[in-house]
């Protein structure tokens, strides 16, 4: 048998992106255990790829800037939560925030698990 050459290593994601993914996973785990009856879901809007893949998803209705979490309490106002590890919002995210708030929705930016937990708890309690 011949030994295969190892393929070139994939470029690692920037530390900021990995931190945001870690925060995303921790928020999902917490929601699953602490708020199992709350209608909340992550919007998988982070796509990597070339122009063609972006055009494909755009044709399917994927919108740039949509918040990471959409939350719909039983007796309250809908809410969108954007998770940010370090940096601020992109222009697309600012545009989504303005459109979401124009429809009567609440919008929050959370940088830690604790901020997310407090925000979601308040939404569930008070809408």
Protein backbone atom coordinates (compact mmCIF):
# COMPACT_ATOMS: atom_id res chain seq x y z
CA UNK A 1 0.00 0.00 0.00
CA UNK A 2 1.14 3.47 -0.70
CA UNK A 3 0.88 6.13 1.90
CA UNK A 4 -1.42 8.96 1.05
CA UNK A 5 -0.10 12.46 1.29
CA UNK A 6 -1.92 14.59 3.75
CA UNK A 7 -3.96 17.23 2.03
CA UNK A 8 -3.23 20.83 2.79
CA UNK A 9 -4.72 21.90 6.09
CA UNK A 10 -7.85 23.94 5.88
CA UNK A 11 -7.50 27.49 7.03
CA UNK A 12 -8.64 27.86 10.63
CA UNK A 13 -11.46 30.20 11.40
CA UNK A 14 -10.50 33.42 13.13
CA UNK A 15 -10.57 33.26 16.94
CA UNK A 16 -13.52 35.68 17.01
CA UNK A 17 -15.60 33.35 14.83
CA UNK A 18 -14.75 30.32 16.98
CA UNK A 19 -15.73 32.24 20.13
CA UNK A 20 -19.06 33.16 18.56
CA UNK A 21 -19.66 29.52 17.59
CA UNK A 22 -18.87 28.43 21.14
CA UNK A 23 -21.32 30.99 22.48
CA UNK A 24 -23.90 29.74 19.96
CA UNK A 25 -23.52 26.15 21.17
CA UNK A 26 -23.74 27.13 24.84
CA UNK A 27 -26.90 29.15 24.24
CA UNK A 28 -28.50 26.21 22.39
CA UNK A 29 -27.63 23.80 25.21
CA UNK A 30 -29.01 26.17 27.84
CA UNK A 31 -32.25 26.79 25.93
CA UNK A 32 -32.82 23.07 25.45
CA UNK A 33 -32.63 22.38 29.18
CA UNK A 34 -33.87 25.61 30.78
CA UNK A 35 -36.64 26.61 28.37
CA UNK A 36 -37.88 23.47 26.59
CA UNK A 37 -41.38 24.89 25.99
CA UNK A 38 -40.26 28.23 24.55
CA UNK A 39 -40.48 28.47 20.76
CA UNK A 40 -36.98 29.66 19.93
CA UNK A 41 -34.65 28.66 17.15
CA UNK A 42 -31.29 29.48 15.65
CA UNK A 43 -31.24 30.86 12.13
CA UNK A 44 -28.36 29.15 10.35
CA UNK A 45 -27.41 32.08 8.18
CA UNK A 46 -23.63 31.72 8.17
CA UNK A 47 -22.64 30.44 4.76
CA UNK A 48 -19.16 29.91 3.39
CA UNK A 49 -18.55 29.56 -0.27
CA UNK A 50 -18.25 31.39 -3.50
CA UNK A 51 -20.58 33.66 -5.38
CA UNK A 52 -22.61 30.77 -6.78
CA UNK A 53 -23.55 29.32 -3.40
CA UNK A 54 -24.51 32.74 -2.08
CA UNK A 55 -26.75 33.33 -5.10
CA UNK A 56 -28.32 29.88 -4.63
CA UNK A 57 -29.28 30.63 -1.02
CA UNK A 58 -30.47 34.13 -1.91
CA UNK A 59 -32.84 32.58 -4.46
CA UNK A 60 -34.10 30.27 -1.72
CA UNK A 61 -34.97 33.30 0.41
CA UNK A 62 -32.02 33.44 2.80
CA UNK A 63 -31.61 37.04 4.01
CA UNK A 64 -28.31 38.57 5.03
CA UNK A 65 -28.18 39.99 8.55
CA UNK A 66 -30.95 37.92 10.16
CA UNK A 67 -30.38 37.59 13.90
CA UNK A 68 -28.95 34.38 15.34
CA UNK A 69 -32.02 33.51 17.43
CA UNK A 70 -35.71 34.18 16.90
CA UNK A 71 -37.86 33.82 20.00
CA UNK A 72 -41.67 33.64 20.13
CA UNK A 73 -43.09 33.62 23.66
CA UNK A 74 -46.65 32.35 24.11
CA UNK A 75 -48.10 35.65 25.32
CA UNK A 76 -45.67 38.29 24.27
CA UNK A 77 -43.81 40.10 21.55
CA UNK A 78 -41.50 38.27 19.18
CA UNK A 79 -37.82 38.87 19.75
CA UNK A 80 -34.60 38.56 17.78
CA UNK A 81 -31.27 38.00 19.50
CA UNK A 82 -27.92 38.58 17.82
CA UNK A 83 -24.90 36.94 19.43
CA UNK A 84 -21.66 38.89 19.22
CA UNK A 85 -18.32 37.70 20.54
CA UNK A 86 -16.44 40.97 20.17
CA UNK A 87 -17.22 43.07 17.12
CA UNK A 88 -20.22 45.23 16.36
CA UNK A 89 -23.07 44.60 13.98
CA UNK A 90 -22.63 44.51 10.24
CA UNK A 91 -24.63 46.85 8.01
CA UNK A 92 -26.87 43.92 7.01
CA UNK A 93 -27.53 43.17 10.70
CA UNK A 94 -28.36 46.82 11.39
CA UNK A 95 -30.79 46.80 8.45
CA UNK A 96 -32.44 43.61 9.74
CA UNK A 97 -32.72 45.13 13.22
CA UNK A 98 -34.48 48.22 11.83
CA UNK A 99 -36.90 46.09 9.77
CA UNK A 100 -37.60 43.73 12.70
CA UNK A 101 -38.28 46.58 15.11
CA UNK A 102 -40.51 48.30 12.51
CA UNK A 103 -42.78 45.22 12.66
CA UNK A 104 -43.05 45.51 16.46
CA UNK A 105 -40.38 42.98 17.36
CA UNK A 106 -37.86 43.29 20.17
CA UNK A 107 -34.17 43.11 19.25
CA UNK A 108 -31.23 42.36 21.52
CA UNK A 109 -27.47 41.94 21.14
CA UNK A 110 -25.91 39.54 23.66
CA UNK A 111 -22.18 39.04 24.16
CA UNK A 112 -22.17 36.39 26.89
CA UNK A 113 -24.17 33.34 27.91
CA UNK A 114 -25.30 35.21 31.03
CA UNK A 115 -26.65 38.13 28.96
CA UNK A 116 -28.46 35.66 26.71
CA UNK A 117 -29.95 33.81 29.70
CA UNK A 118 -31.20 37.03 31.28
CA UNK A 119 -32.63 38.29 28.00
CA UNK A 120 -34.46 35.06 27.18
CA UNK A 121 -35.78 34.73 30.74
CA UNK A 122 -37.16 38.28 30.60
CA UNK A 123 -38.72 37.64 27.18
CA UNK A 124 -40.36 34.45 28.46
CA UNK A 125 -41.66 36.20 31.59
CA UNK A 126 -42.69 39.59 30.26
CA UNK A 127 -42.70 39.35 26.45
